[in-house]
């Protein structure tokens, strides 16, 4: 969340796996770098804040999944803050060289 909410490119690059695949209700992308660039552009343009609630987590030594409830808001630095969407989100994480990375994600209702 911190990487998204602070538009931290270095942190986002470390979180997403090189072969990341996902489906987002807001951002369309063709590569990991394009995804990160669009996430940062959308954050700056729309001033998006993401809040999440963890519903379920399951882990093994090298793979994990998480089910989250994501809520997105725009114009978060103004009195006109607006609710954008609330969706369930499935994430699949893998351990790569000792670091957890997001490999797959899917938003759904």
Protein backbone atom coordinates (compact mmCIF):
# COMPACT_ATOMS: atom_id res chain seq x y z
CA UNK A 1 0.00 0.00 0.00
CA UNK A 2 2.76 2.41 0.90
CA UNK A 3 4.35 2.15 -2.55
CA UNK A 4 1.03 2.86 -4.27
CA UNK A 5 -0.13 5.63 -1.96
CA UNK A 6 3.25 7.40 -2.04
CA UNK A 7 3.96 6.77 -5.76
CA UNK A 8 7.30 5.22 -4.78
CA UNK A 9 8.71 3.84 -8.05
CA UNK A 10 11.67 2.07 -6.42
CA UNK A 11 9.42 0.28 -3.93
CA UNK A 12 6.88 -0.65 -6.64
CA UNK A 13 9.66 -2.12 -8.81
CA UNK A 14 10.77 -4.33 -5.92
CA UNK A 15 7.22 -5.51 -5.15
CA UNK A 16 6.06 -6.54 -8.63
CA UNK A 17 7.64 -9.67 -10.15
CA UNK A 18 9.26 -9.27 -13.57
CA UNK A 19 6.58 -11.54 -15.09
CA UNK A 20 3.68 -9.97 -13.16
CA UNK A 21 0.22 -10.43 -14.70
CA UNK A 22 -2.89 -8.78 -13.42
CA UNK A 23 -6.26 -7.27 -14.12
CA UNK A 24 -7.03 -3.81 -12.74
CA UNK A 25 -10.27 -1.79 -12.89
CA UNK A 26 -8.30 1.42 -13.59
CA UNK A 27 -4.86 0.69 -15.09
CA UNK A 28 -4.14 -1.19 -18.33
CA UNK A 29 -0.54 -2.18 -19.03
CA UNK A 30 1.69 -4.34 -21.22
CA UNK A 31 4.79 -4.71 -19.04
CA UNK A 32 5.92 -4.29 -15.46
CA UNK A 33 7.53 -0.91 -16.23
CA UNK A 34 4.41 0.31 -18.05
CA UNK A 35 2.28 -0.75 -15.07
CA UNK A 36 4.48 1.16 -12.61
CA UNK A 37 4.58 4.24 -14.86
CA UNK A 38 0.78 4.23 -15.21
CA UNK A 39 0.24 3.68 -11.48
CA UNK A 40 2.38 6.74 -10.73
CA UNK A 41 0.76 8.83 -13.49
CA UNK A 42 -2.74 7.92 -12.24
CA UNK A 43 -1.74 8.74 -8.66
CA UNK A 44 -0.47 12.18 -9.67
CA UNK A 45 -3.38 12.94 -11.99
CA UNK A 46 -6.24 11.61 -9.86
CA UNK A 47 -4.65 11.79 -6.40
CA UNK A 48 -5.80 8.26 -5.57
CA UNK A 49 -5.67 6.74 -2.10
CA UNK A 50 -6.06 2.99 -1.64
CA UNK A 51 -7.35 1.49 1.59
CA UNK A 52 -7.45 -2.26 2.03
CA UNK A 53 -8.78 -4.86 4.40
CA UNK A 54 -7.18 -8.31 4.52
CA UNK A 55 -9.86 -11.00 4.32
CA UNK A 56 -7.70 -14.14 4.08
CA UNK A 57 -4.01 -15.06 3.80
CA UNK A 58 -2.41 -18.44 3.18
CA UNK A 59 1.36 -19.01 2.87
CA UNK A 60 3.90 -21.71 2.22
CA UNK A 61 7.68 -21.28 2.16
CA UNK A 62 7.73 -19.94 -1.42
CA UNK A 63 4.16 -19.04 -2.38
CA UNK A 64 1.27 -17.17 -0.79
CA UNK A 65 -2.14 -15.85 -1.63
CA UNK A 66 -4.14 -13.04 -0.13
CA UNK A 67 -7.77 -12.03 -0.54
CA UNK A 68 -8.23 -8.31 0.07
CA UNK A 69 -11.03 -5.77 -0.06
CA UNK A 70 -9.71 -2.66 -1.83
CA UNK A 71 -11.33 0.76 -1.62
CA UNK A 72 -10.11 3.57 -3.87
CA UNK A 73 -10.73 7.27 -3.40
CA UNK A 74 -9.84 10.24 -5.63
CA UNK A 75 -9.10 13.90 -4.86
CA UNK A 76 -7.86 12.85 -1.44
CA UNK A 77 -6.15 16.17 -0.69
CA UNK A 78 -9.33 18.18 -1.12
CA UNK A 79 -12.78 18.52 0.45
CA UNK A 80 -14.17 16.95 -2.76
CA UNK A 81 -12.75 13.49 -2.01
CA UNK A 82 -14.73 10.92 -3.99
CA UNK A 83 -15.21 7.20 -3.65
CA UNK A 84 -13.96 5.53 -6.85
CA UNK A 85 -14.53 1.79 -6.32
CA UNK A 86 -14.58 -1.08 -3.86
CA UNK A 87 -13.57 -4.51 -5.15
CA UNK A 88 -12.31 -7.82 -3.91
CA UNK A 89 -8.72 -8.50 -4.92
CA UNK A 90 -6.90 -11.83 -5.14
CA UNK A 91 -3.10 -11.67 -5.01
CA UNK A 92 -0.60 -14.47 -5.59
CA UNK A 93 2.89 -13.86 -4.20
CA UNK A 94 6.11 -15.82 -4.80
CA UNK A 95 9.43 -15.69 -2.98
CA UNK A 96 12.22 -14.61 -5.35
CA UNK A 97 15.77 -14.53 -3.97
CA UNK A 98 14.42 -14.25 -0.44
CA UNK A 99 11.99 -11.42 -1.23
CA UNK A 100 8.22 -11.68 -1.63
CA UNK A 101 6.99 -10.37 -5.00
CA UNK A 102 3.51 -9.99 -6.42
CA UNK A 103 3.17 -12.38 -9.35
CA UNK A 104 -0.57 -12.36 -10.17
CA UNK A 105 -3.53 -10.25 -9.14
CA UNK A 106 -7.17 -10.14 -10.05
CA UNK A 107 -9.89 -7.70 -9.07
CA UNK A 108 -13.39 -9.16 -8.98
CA UNK A 109 -16.80 -8.57 -7.43
